[in-house]
């Protein structure tokens, strides 16, 4: 009995669980890749169980980071000579929880969603698991080589899922566009990492702070731009956004959820982790241009969402707009603003996952892609209209939903800068969020149902997932202290004013 107890304690040690968070889904995905086709009926359930177990590991480890004294958690070296390891702090914990929750929902609804892909089910779920492992690896990396390896690992499986299992005739073109644009962003990061290594011989992320803060202003500006552009592609900041609308629209719904509520957080995390390694002089030099880009991104995404006719693409453009909020918080260089941006990663993930589930369900039950072809669904799907309303209100920051606290902190951080006129414009951009959210709900769920529109029942797993997300949106809005506590401890080292 004592030996059994010791084995359990060893397995659940924080160090061991952190290693498993990226390794478990990657190894399981590789296993399914080679054996999944032989027993396709069990593959979806197996993938869901693996994702669930990874999520449990993640939430257990993240809870340990609640102690504000654990600013950087700990570092575990598994190749001492090249200084690889895993690290988790409050900011990483917020990102990990969001990514793994999105993957869990995707695996849950994917059990029914991919039934028609019976011959390819092993390949689909194995790529979803490897995709998840890559995202987790990015968040936990302590070294630029390790970071870049996992960053590229996300790209290949997600490309396969979009290009070969997308839901449009142009999905292969969309997948190629996604691959090229996101890879170009990764190349900018690689150039910055190689420059630092070739000149200073350093790959450890924490050790780079003293190096980057001591660079000449010219070198610092060059590296800052390379790093920013690399992550701007991932966040779809204007004008680096063009891959996102088609990718989110054409990808299968479970994959869209992993992209919109999961993968985009790796860009948010990378931007926070790397940009704030630079000197105060460099950060202050770029602060105003980044705020301008952020506000342009907010308005561009909002106006495009209002003008768009395709149901899923409306929500895709809203993701671009929401990333503008995140960039405003980072560019403010203020503790409140950065904390709000980190919190918004989770809040945006919850709201966007719900919104995409509503949009995907509407397309699924009606067979229609255009918002002008659908109306009056509220008479049959009252709960679906409710979920759409909650998702829209959460995105625009209405209390007591999850988006309120993060947007309040972002704007508070912005108003502590000297660029108050731009922050006023940023606040006004919420009117666009109100506009496209209410238009979405009104157009689809009110009015007369078009003659001849055939509808089917919503799958039970879809209803369960949307109900769970709604509960979490309310919970994160009513009690934001847990996420705020996780974010503040790590973010306090990043703020500059």
Protein backbone atom coordinates (compact mmCIF):
# COMPACT_ATOMS: atom_id res chain seq x y z
CA UNK A 1 0.00 0.00 0.00
CA UNK A 2 2.83 2.38 0.87
CA UNK A 3 4.59 1.67 -2.45
CA UNK A 4 1.35 2.35 -4.31
CA UNK A 5 0.96 5.64 -2.45
CA UNK A 6 4.53 6.68 -3.29
CA UNK A 7 3.95 5.84 -6.97
CA UNK A 8 0.86 8.06 -7.07
CA UNK A 9 2.74 10.92 -5.39
CA UNK A 10 5.62 10.57 -7.84
CA UNK A 11 3.27 10.60 -10.82
CA UNK A 12 1.38 13.65 -9.63
CA UNK A 13 4.53 15.62 -8.80
CA UNK A 14 4.32 19.04 -10.40
CA UNK A 15 7.47 18.46 -12.44
CA UNK A 16 6.19 15.20 -13.94
CA UNK A 17 2.76 16.60 -14.78
CA UNK A 18 4.25 19.60 -16.57
CA UNK A 19 6.29 17.26 -18.77
CA UNK A 20 3.16 15.27 -19.60
CA UNK A 21 1.08 18.29 -20.66
CA UNK A 22 2.78 18.57 -24.07
CA UNK A 23 4.18 15.01 -24.28
CA UNK A 24 1.00 13.04 -23.54
CA UNK A 25 -1.15 14.33 -26.44
CA UNK A 26 1.80 14.25 -28.88
CA UNK A 27 2.68 10.63 -28.10
CA UNK A 28 -0.98 9.61 -28.10
CA UNK A 29 -1.50 11.40 -31.42
CA UNK A 30 1.44 9.59 -32.99
CA UNK A 31 0.04 6.29 -31.71
CA UNK A 32 -3.39 7.00 -33.19
CA UNK A 33 -1.79 8.07 -36.43
CA UNK A 34 -0.46 4.58 -37.01
CA UNK A 35 -3.12 2.48 -35.31
CA UNK A 36 -6.32 4.54 -35.38
CA UNK A 37 -7.60 3.32 -38.74
CA UNK A 38 -7.74 -0.26 -37.47
CA UNK A 39 -10.40 0.50 -34.89
CA UNK A 40 -12.03 3.75 -35.96
CA UNK A 41 -14.99 3.40 -33.60
CA UNK A 42 -12.77 3.79 -30.54
CA UNK A 43 -10.57 6.60 -31.86
CA UNK A 44 -12.88 9.57 -31.01
CA UNK A 45 -13.48 8.29 -27.48
CA UNK A 46 -9.77 7.61 -26.98
CA UNK A 47 -8.83 11.08 -28.21
CA UNK A 48 -11.42 12.67 -25.94
CA UNK A 49 -10.10 10.73 -22.93
CA UNK A 50 -6.51 11.81 -23.68
CA UNK A 51 -7.60 15.42 -24.06
CA UNK A 52 -9.61 15.23 -20.84
CA UNK A 53 -6.65 13.78 -18.93
CA UNK A 54 -4.33 16.47 -20.33
CA UNK A 55 -6.83 19.13 -19.26
CA UNK A 56 -6.94 17.67 -15.74
CA UNK A 57 -3.13 17.79 -15.56
CA UNK A 58 -3.23 21.38 -16.79
CA UNK A 59 -5.81 22.60 -14.28
CA UNK A 60 -4.03 20.85 -11.41
CA UNK A 61 -0.69 22.47 -12.30
CA UNK A 62 -2.35 25.84 -12.96
CA UNK A 63 -4.00 25.80 -9.55
CA UNK A 64 -0.55 25.41 -7.98
CA UNK A 65 0.42 28.73 -9.60
CA UNK A 66 -2.31 30.56 -7.71
CA UNK A 67 0.18 31.34 -4.94
CA UNK A 68 1.38 34.86 -5.80
CA UNK A 69 4.83 33.91 -4.53
CA UNK A 70 5.23 31.50 -7.45
CA UNK A 71 5.99 34.18 -10.00
CA UNK A 72 7.93 31.89 -12.32
CA UNK A 73 7.05 28.52 -10.84
CA UNK A 74 10.12 26.39 -11.49
CA UNK A 75 12.36 25.25 -14.29
CA UNK A 76 13.11 21.60 -14.98
CA UNK A 77 16.10 20.84 -17.23
CA UNK A 78 15.85 17.68 -19.26
CA UNK A 79 18.95 18.37 -21.39
CA UNK A 80 21.23 20.35 -19.11
CA UNK A 81 23.84 21.02 -21.78
CA UNK A 82 21.42 22.93 -24.00
CA UNK A 83 19.26 24.23 -21.20
CA UNK A 84 15.91 22.86 -22.32
CA UNK A 85 13.11 22.61 -19.82
CA UNK A 86 9.56 23.53 -18.85
CA UNK A 87 8.32 26.54 -16.95
CA UNK A 88 4.91 27.66 -15.79
CA UNK A 89 3.77 30.84 -14.10
CA UNK A 90 0.43 32.57 -13.73
CA UNK A 91 0.39 33.94 -17.27
CA UNK A 92 1.29 30.56 -18.75
CA UNK A 93 -1.39 28.93 -16.58
CA UNK A 94 -4.13 31.19 -18.01
CA UNK A 95 -3.06 30.34 -21.57
CA UNK A 96 -2.78 26.61 -20.87
CA UNK A 97 -6.25 26.45 -19.29
CA UNK A 98 -7.78 28.22 -22.28
CA UNK A 99 -6.01 26.06 -24.87
CA UNK A 100 -6.85 22.78 -23.17
CA UNK A 101 -10.45 23.76 -22.53
CA UNK A 102 -10.84 24.61 -26.23
CA UNK A 103 -9.25 21.28 -27.23
CA UNK A 104 -11.48 19.40 -24.79
CA UNK A 105 -14.62 20.94 -26.28
CA UNK A 106 -13.34 20.25 -29.80
CA UNK A 107 -12.66 16.59 -28.98
CA UNK A 108 -16.04 16.28 -27.25
CA UNK A 109 -18.16 17.56 -30.14
CA UNK A 110 -15.80 15.98 -32.67
CA UNK A 111 -16.99 12.53 -31.62
CA UNK A 112 -20.25 13.18 -33.48
CA UNK A 113 -19.06 15.85 -35.89
CA UNK A 114 -16.54 13.64 -37.71
CA UNK A 115 -18.72 10.51 -37.92
CA UNK A 116 -18.95 10.85 -41.69
CA UNK A 117 -15.14 10.78 -41.90
CA UNK A 118 -14.99 7.20 -40.69
CA UNK A 119 -12.15 6.15 -43.02
CA UNK A 120 -9.98 9.08 -41.92
CA UNK A 121 -10.96 9.33 -38.28
CA UNK A 122 -7.59 8.20 -36.94
CA UNK A 123 -5.73 10.78 -39.01
CA UNK A 124 -8.08 13.60 -37.95
CA UNK A 125 -7.92 12.99 -34.22
CA UNK A 126 -4.19 12.24 -34.22
CA UNK A 127 -3.55 15.62 -35.83
CA UNK A 128 -5.83 17.32 -33.31
CA UNK A 129 -3.83 15.77 -30.47
CA UNK A 130 -0.44 16.68 -31.96
CA UNK A 131 -1.77 20.19 -32.56
CA UNK A 132 -2.75 20.39 -28.87
CA UNK A 133 0.64 19.10 -27.74
CA UNK A 134 2.40 21.70 -29.88
CA UNK A 135 0.36 24.54 -28.37
CA UNK A 136 1.07 23.30 -24.84
CA UNK A 137 4.76 23.01 -25.66
CA UNK A 138 4.91 26.61 -26.86
CA UNK A 139 3.50 27.89 -23.58
CA UNK A 140 5.80 25.81 -21.39
CA UNK A 141 9.09 26.34 -23.28
CA UNK A 142 12.06 27.93 -21.54
CA UNK A 143 14.35 28.05 -24.57
CA UNK A 144 14.02 29.67 -28.01
CA UNK A 145 15.01 26.45 -29.81
CA UNK A 146 12.38 24.54 -27.90
CA UNK A 147 9.84 27.33 -28.41
CA UNK A 148 10.41 27.44 -32.17
CA UNK A 149 10.22 23.64 -32.45
CA UNK A 150 6.79 23.54 -30.80
CA UNK A 151 5.69 26.69 -32.66
CA UNK A 152 6.29 24.92 -35.99
CA UNK A 153 4.82 21.67 -34.66
CA UNK A 154 1.43 23.42 -34.37
CA UNK A 155 1.52 24.39 -38.03
CA UNK A 156 1.70 21.03 -39.81
CA UNK A 157 -1.25 19.20 -38.16
CA UNK A 158 -3.46 22.29 -38.28
CA UNK A 159 -2.65 22.68 -41.99
CA UNK A 160 -3.72 19.09 -42.66
CA UNK A 161 -6.99 19.60 -40.76
CA UNK A 162 -7.86 22.74 -42.74
CA UNK A 163 -6.64 21.68 -46.20
CA UNK A 164 -7.97 18.11 -46.30
CA UNK A 165 -11.02 18.21 -44.03
CA UNK A 166 -12.25 21.76 -44.54
CA UNK A 167 -15.84 22.58 -45.36
CA UNK A 168 -15.53 24.49 -48.62
CA UNK A 169 -14.43 23.83 -52.17
CA UNK A 170 -11.43 26.11 -51.64
CA UNK A 171 -10.20 24.46 -48.44
CA UNK A 172 -6.89 23.34 -49.98
CA UNK A 173 -6.15 26.89 -51.14
CA UNK A 174 -7.18 28.16 -47.73
CA UNK A 175 -4.91 25.63 -46.03
CA UNK A 176 -1.98 26.64 -48.21
CA UNK A 177 -2.60 30.32 -47.49
CA UNK A 178 -2.76 29.56 -43.77
CA UNK A 179 0.48 27.57 -43.98
CA UNK A 180 2.39 30.25 -45.90
CA UNK A 181 1.28 33.24 -43.80
CA UNK A 182 1.78 31.64 -40.40
CA UNK A 183 5.10 30.16 -41.51
CA UNK A 184 6.30 33.57 -42.67
CA UNK A 185 5.54 34.87 -39.18
CA UNK A 186 7.56 32.01 -37.70
CA UNK A 187 10.49 32.84 -39.97
CA UNK A 188 10.61 36.38 -38.57
CA UNK A 189 10.89 34.86 -35.09
CA UNK A 190 13.59 32.49 -36.28
CA UNK A 191 15.63 35.39 -37.69
CA UNK A 192 15.48 37.20 -34.35
CA UNK A 193 16.41 34.06 -32.39
CA UNK A 194 19.31 33.25 -34.74
CA UNK A 195 20.64 36.80 -34.53
CA UNK A 196 20.71 36.68 -30.73
CA UNK A 197 22.32 33.23 -30.69
CA UNK A 198 24.95 34.06 -33.31
CA UNK A 199 26.01 37.23 -31.49
CA UNK A 200 25.56 36.28 -27.83
CA UNK A 201 25.29 32.47 -27.79
CA UNK A 202 22.10 32.56 -25.71
CA UNK A 203 18.90 30.59 -26.25
CA UNK A 204 17.48 30.60 -22.72
CA UNK A 205 14.49 32.96 -22.69
CA UNK A 206 14.99 34.32 -19.18
CA UNK A 207 18.67 34.99 -19.85
CA UNK A 208 17.77 37.12 -22.86
CA UNK A 209 16.37 39.94 -20.72
CA UNK A 210 19.77 41.32 -19.74
CA UNK A 211 21.03 41.00 -23.32
CA UNK A 212 18.07 42.64 -25.07
CA UNK A 213 17.83 45.47 -22.57
CA UNK A 214 21.51 46.33 -23.20
CA UNK A 215 21.39 46.39 -27.03
CA UNK A 216 21.96 49.55 -29.02
CA UNK A 217 18.72 51.25 -29.96
CA UNK A 218 19.17 50.39 -33.66
CA UNK A 219 19.67 46.66 -32.95
CA UNK A 220 16.89 46.68 -30.40
CA UNK A 221 14.44 48.23 -32.88
CA UNK A 222 15.33 45.67 -35.54
CA UNK A 223 14.85 42.72 -33.20
CA UNK A 224 11.69 44.17 -31.69
CA UNK A 225 10.12 44.54 -35.14
CA UNK A 226 11.10 40.99 -36.12
CA UNK A 227 9.58 39.53 -32.94
CA UNK A 228 6.47 41.70 -33.14
CA UNK A 229 5.79 40.86 -36.80
CA UNK A 230 6.27 37.17 -36.04
CA UNK A 231 3.56 37.21 -33.39
CA UNK A 232 1.39 39.77 -35.23
CA UNK A 233 0.80 37.12 -37.91
CA UNK A 234 -0.42 34.68 -35.28
CA UNK A 235 -2.69 37.28 -33.65
CA UNK A 236 -3.93 38.45 -37.08
CA UNK A 237 -3.14 42.09 -36.31
CA UNK A 238 -3.90 44.34 -39.30
CA UNK A 239 -2.27 44.13 -41.91
CA UNK A 240 -1.01 40.62 -41.04
CA UNK A 241 -4.54 39.21 -40.75
CA UNK A 242 -5.47 37.96 -44.20
CA UNK A 243 -5.05 34.25 -43.45
CA UNK A 244 -7.53 34.21 -40.57
CA UNK A 245 -11.05 34.80 -42.02
CA UNK A 246 -10.88 32.02 -44.63
CA UNK A 247 -9.12 29.61 -42.26
CA UNK A 248 -11.72 30.00 -39.52
CA UNK A 249 -14.55 29.86 -42.03
CA UNK A 250 -13.37 26.80 -43.96
CA UNK A 251 -12.02 24.67 -41.11
CA UNK A 252 -14.30 22.03 -39.55
CA UNK A 253 -16.05 23.44 -36.47
CA UNK A 254 -13.95 21.52 -33.86
CA UNK A 255 -10.77 22.72 -35.58
CA UNK A 256 -12.10 26.29 -35.77
CA UNK A 257 -12.60 26.21 -31.99
CA UNK A 258 -9.01 25.04 -31.47
CA UNK A 259 -7.74 27.81 -33.76
CA UNK A 260 -9.88 30.67 -32.45
CA UNK A 261 -9.93 29.83 -28.73
CA UNK A 262 -6.61 27.98 -28.50
CA UNK A 263 -3.91 28.64 -31.09
CA UNK A 264 -4.33 32.41 -31.11
CA UNK A 265 -3.36 32.38 -27.42
CA UNK A 266 0.12 31.14 -28.32
CA UNK A 267 0.58 34.43 -30.16
CA UNK A 268 -0.73 36.42 -27.19
CA UNK A 269 1.59 34.55 -24.86
CA UNK A 270 4.60 34.90 -27.15
CA UNK A 271 4.05 38.62 -27.55
CA UNK A 272 3.86 39.11 -23.79
CA UNK A 273 6.79 36.83 -23.03
CA UNK A 274 9.25 38.20 -25.61
CA UNK A 275 8.41 41.86 -26.28
CA UNK A 276 8.77 42.81 -22.63
CA UNK A 277 12.33 41.51 -22.59
CA UNK A 278 13.37 44.66 -24.46
CA UNK A 279 14.52 47.88 -22.83
CA UNK A 280 12.13 50.61 -21.63
CA UNK A 281 13.47 52.91 -24.33
CA UNK A 282 12.54 50.46 -27.10
CA UNK A 283 9.12 49.72 -25.63
CA UNK A 284 8.27 53.40 -25.25
CA UNK A 285 9.44 54.07 -28.82
CA UNK A 286 6.97 51.53 -30.23
CA UNK A 287 4.12 52.08 -27.76
CA UNK A 288 2.17 54.64 -29.78
CA UNK A 289 2.54 52.92 -33.20
CA UNK A 290 1.30 49.67 -31.65
CA UNK A 291 -1.73 51.39 -30.11
CA UNK A 292 -2.54 52.89 -33.52
CA UNK A 293 -2.27 49.43 -35.13
CA UNK A 294 -4.45 48.00 -32.38
CA UNK A 295 -7.24 50.54 -32.89
CA UNK A 296 -7.11 50.08 -36.66
CA UNK A 297 -7.39 46.32 -36.09
CA UNK A 298 -10.41 46.81 -33.83
CA UNK A 299 -12.26 48.93 -36.36
CA UNK A 300 -11.23 46.89 -39.39
CA UNK A 301 -12.40 43.61 -37.84
CA UNK A 302 -15.62 45.19 -36.60
CA UNK A 303 -16.55 46.81 -39.92
CA UNK A 304 -15.73 43.65 -41.86
CA UNK A 305 -17.89 41.59 -39.49
CA UNK A 306 -20.78 43.99 -40.11
CA UNK A 307 -20.31 43.77 -43.87
CA UNK A 308 -19.76 40.01 -44.10
CA UNK A 309 -22.54 37.68 -45.28
CA UNK A 310 -21.10 34.25 -44.43
CA UNK A 311 -22.17 33.08 -41.00
CA UNK A 312 -18.88 31.66 -39.68
CA UNK A 313 -16.84 34.41 -41.32
CA UNK A 314 -18.70 37.09 -39.34
CA UNK A 315 -17.34 35.54 -36.16
CA UNK A 316 -13.92 35.13 -37.77
CA UNK A 317 -13.65 38.87 -38.45
CA UNK A 318 -14.73 39.57 -34.89
CA UNK A 319 -11.68 37.61 -33.73
CA UNK A 320 -9.46 40.09 -35.58
CA UNK A 321 -11.23 42.95 -33.83
CA UNK A 322 -10.81 41.30 -30.43
CA UNK A 323 -7.07 40.91 -30.92
CA UNK A 324 -6.94 44.69 -31.27
CA UNK A 325 -8.10 44.91 -27.64
CA UNK A 326 -5.26 42.61 -26.58
CA UNK A 327 -2.67 44.73 -28.40
CA UNK A 328 -4.02 47.92 -26.77
CA UNK A 329 -3.37 46.41 -23.34
CA UNK A 330 0.16 45.33 -24.21
CA UNK A 331 1.04 48.62 -25.91
CA UNK A 332 -0.08 50.57 -22.83
CA UNK A 333 2.92 49.06 -20.95
CA UNK A 334 0.80 49.39 -17.79
CA UNK A 335 0.18 46.63 -15.26
CA UNK A 336 -3.60 46.92 -15.60
CA UNK A 337 -3.48 46.88 -19.39
CA UNK A 338 -1.18 43.86 -19.62
CA UNK A 339 -3.17 41.97 -16.97
CA UNK A 340 -6.35 42.72 -18.91
CA UNK A 341 -4.80 41.43 -22.13
CA UNK A 342 -3.73 38.17 -20.48
CA UNK A 343 -7.19 37.76 -18.94
CA UNK A 344 -8.78 38.56 -22.30
CA UNK A 345 -7.05 35.51 -23.76
CA UNK A 346 -9.28 33.33 -21.57
CA UNK A 347 -12.39 35.49 -21.82
CA UNK A 348 -12.14 35.81 -25.59
CA UNK A 349 -11.55 32.06 -25.81
CA UNK A 350 -14.72 31.25 -23.88
CA UNK A 351 -16.92 33.73 -25.76
CA UNK A 352 -15.46 32.93 -29.18
CA UNK A 353 -15.77 29.16 -28.69
CA UNK A 354 -19.45 29.64 -27.83
CA UNK A 355 -20.05 32.04 -30.73
CA UNK A 356 -18.43 29.68 -33.24
CA UNK A 357 -20.44 26.77 -31.85
CA UNK A 358 -23.63 28.76 -32.42
CA UNK A 359 -22.56 29.72 -35.94
CA UNK A 360 -21.42 26.19 -36.78
CA UNK A 361 -24.63 24.72 -35.37
CA UNK A 362 -26.75 27.08 -37.47
CA UNK A 363 -24.86 25.96 -40.59
CA UNK A 364 -25.17 22.32 -39.51
CA UNK A 365 -28.92 22.31 -38.83
CA UNK A 366 -29.92 24.45 -41.83
CA UNK A 367 -27.29 23.60 -44.43
CA UNK A 368 -27.02 27.33 -45.20
CA UNK A 369 -23.78 29.32 -45.22
CA UNK A 370 -25.16 32.84 -45.74
CA UNK A 371 -26.81 34.88 -43.00
CA UNK A 372 -29.30 36.30 -45.53
CA UNK A 373 -30.65 32.80 -46.17
CA UNK A 374 -31.57 32.14 -42.54
CA UNK A 375 -34.08 33.76 -40.19
CA UNK A 376 -36.74 32.90 -37.65
CA UNK A 377 -34.77 30.07 -36.02
CA UNK A 378 -35.62 31.38 -32.56
CA UNK A 379 -39.04 29.75 -32.76
CA UNK A 380 -37.43 26.32 -32.93
CA UNK A 381 -34.05 26.84 -31.28
CA UNK A 382 -34.67 29.24 -28.38
CA UNK A 383 -31.60 28.02 -26.50
CA UNK A 384 -29.40 28.67 -29.52
CA UNK A 385 -30.54 32.30 -29.65
CA UNK A 386 -29.81 32.64 -25.95
CA UNK A 387 -26.29 31.28 -26.38
CA UNK A 388 -25.62 33.65 -29.30
CA UNK A 389 -26.77 36.61 -27.19
CA UNK A 390 -24.54 35.60 -24.27
CA UNK A 391 -21.51 35.18 -26.55
CA UNK A 392 -22.08 38.60 -28.14
CA UNK A 393 -22.55 40.34 -24.80
CA UNK A 394 -19.42 38.70 -23.42
CA UNK A 395 -17.37 39.93 -26.40
CA UNK A 396 -18.53 43.52 -25.98
CA UNK A 397 -17.74 43.41 -22.26
CA UNK A 398 -21.19 43.55 -20.70
CA UNK A 399 -21.33 42.72 -16.97
CA UNK A 400 -21.61 40.25 -15.34
CA UNK A 401 -20.05 38.26 -18.19
CA UNK A 402 -16.40 37.34 -18.57
CA UNK A 403 -15.34 40.06 -21.02
CA UNK A 404 -16.19 42.94 -18.68
CA UNK A 405 -13.22 42.70 -16.30
CA UNK A 406 -10.55 42.17 -18.95
CA UNK A 407 -11.79 45.01 -21.17
CA UNK A 408 -12.11 47.32 -18.17
CA UNK A 409 -8.48 46.62 -17.22
CA UNK A 410 -7.30 47.07 -20.82
CA UNK A 411 -8.96 50.47 -21.08
CA UNK A 412 -7.76 51.46 -17.59
CA UNK A 413 -4.22 50.66 -18.68
CA UNK A 414 -4.72 52.63 -21.88
CA UNK A 415 -5.97 55.71 -20.09
CA UNK A 416 -2.84 55.71 -17.91
CA UNK A 417 -0.80 56.49 -21.06
CA UNK A 418 -0.38 59.80 -22.87
CA UNK A 419 -2.42 58.51 -25.82
CA UNK A 420 -5.89 59.03 -24.39
CA UNK A 421 -7.45 60.10 -27.70
CA UNK A 422 -6.56 56.71 -29.23
CA UNK A 423 -7.96 54.90 -26.21
CA UNK A 424 -11.24 56.79 -26.60
CA UNK A 425 -11.39 55.44 -30.16
CA UNK A 426 -10.62 51.98 -28.80
CA UNK A 427 -13.56 52.22 -26.40
CA UNK A 428 -15.82 53.40 -29.22
CA UNK A 429 -14.92 50.26 -31.18
CA UNK A 430 -17.11 48.31 -28.75
CA UNK A 431 -20.07 49.83 -30.59
CA UNK A 432 -19.08 47.76 -33.62
CA UNK A 433 -19.03 44.63 -31.46
CA UNK A 434 -22.54 45.50 -30.31
CA UNK A 435 -23.57 46.07 -33.90
CA UNK A 436 -22.44 42.79 -35.44
CA UNK A 437 -23.46 40.73 -32.40
CA UNK A 438 -27.00 42.09 -32.30
CA UNK A 439 -27.29 41.90 -36.09
CA UNK A 440 -26.23 38.25 -35.95
CA UNK A 441 -28.86 37.42 -33.33
CA UNK A 442 -31.64 39.48 -34.94
CA UNK A 443 -31.06 38.24 -38.48
CA UNK A 444 -30.86 34.55 -37.62
CA UNK A 445 -33.27 34.10 -34.73
CA UNK A 446 -35.99 36.72 -35.30
CA UNK A 447 -38.46 37.20 -38.13
CA UNK A 448 -40.21 34.67 -40.33
CA UNK A 449 -38.54 31.39 -41.16
CA UNK A 450 -37.95 31.22 -44.95
CA UNK A 451 -40.33 28.94 -46.82
CA UNK A 452 -38.81 25.57 -47.54
CA UNK A 453 -35.97 25.89 -45.02
CA UNK A 454 -35.30 22.40 -43.73
CA UNK A 455 -33.85 22.06 -40.24
CA UNK A 456 -32.61 19.14 -38.17
CA UNK A 457 -32.16 18.60 -34.46
CA UNK A 458 -29.07 19.94 -32.70
CA UNK A 459 -26.75 17.09 -31.59
CA UNK A 460 -26.85 16.50 -27.85
CA UNK A 461 -23.09 16.98 -27.44
CA UNK A 462 -23.39 20.41 -29.07
CA UNK A 463 -26.05 21.45 -26.58
CA UNK A 464 -24.01 20.17 -23.63
CA UNK A 465 -20.85 21.99 -24.78
CA UNK A 466 -22.69 25.27 -25.35
CA UNK A 467 -24.35 25.00 -21.96
CA UNK A 468 -20.99 24.40 -20.27
CA UNK A 469 -19.40 27.37 -22.02
CA UNK A 470 -22.27 29.61 -20.96
CA UNK A 471 -21.82 28.58 -17.33
CA UNK A 472 -18.08 29.29 -17.56
CA UNK A 473 -18.71 32.71 -19.15
CA UNK A 474 -20.93 33.68 -16.23
CA UNK A 475 -18.54 32.15 -13.66
CA UNK A 476 -15.50 34.00 -15.06
CA UNK A 477 -17.49 37.23 -15.10
CA UNK A 478 -18.97 36.96 -11.62
CA UNK A 479 -15.77 35.72 -10.00
CA UNK A 480 -12.77 36.97 -12.02
CA UNK A 481 -10.43 37.00 -9.01
CA UNK A 482 -8.90 33.58 -9.72
CA UNK A 483 -7.79 34.42 -13.26
CA UNK A 484 -6.75 37.93 -12.22
CA UNK A 485 -4.60 36.52 -9.42
CA UNK A 486 -2.88 34.14 -11.84
CA UNK A 487 -2.20 36.93 -14.32
CA UNK A 488 -1.05 39.68 -11.96
CA UNK A 489 1.82 37.79 -10.32
CA UNK A 490 3.65 37.17 -13.59
CA UNK A 491 2.50 40.32 -15.36
CA UNK A 492 3.91 42.56 -12.63
CA UNK A 493 7.37 41.85 -14.03
CA UNK A 494 6.32 42.94 -17.51
CA UNK A 495 4.74 46.33 -16.89
CA UNK A 496 6.82 49.45 -17.44
CA UNK A 497 4.70 52.22 -15.85
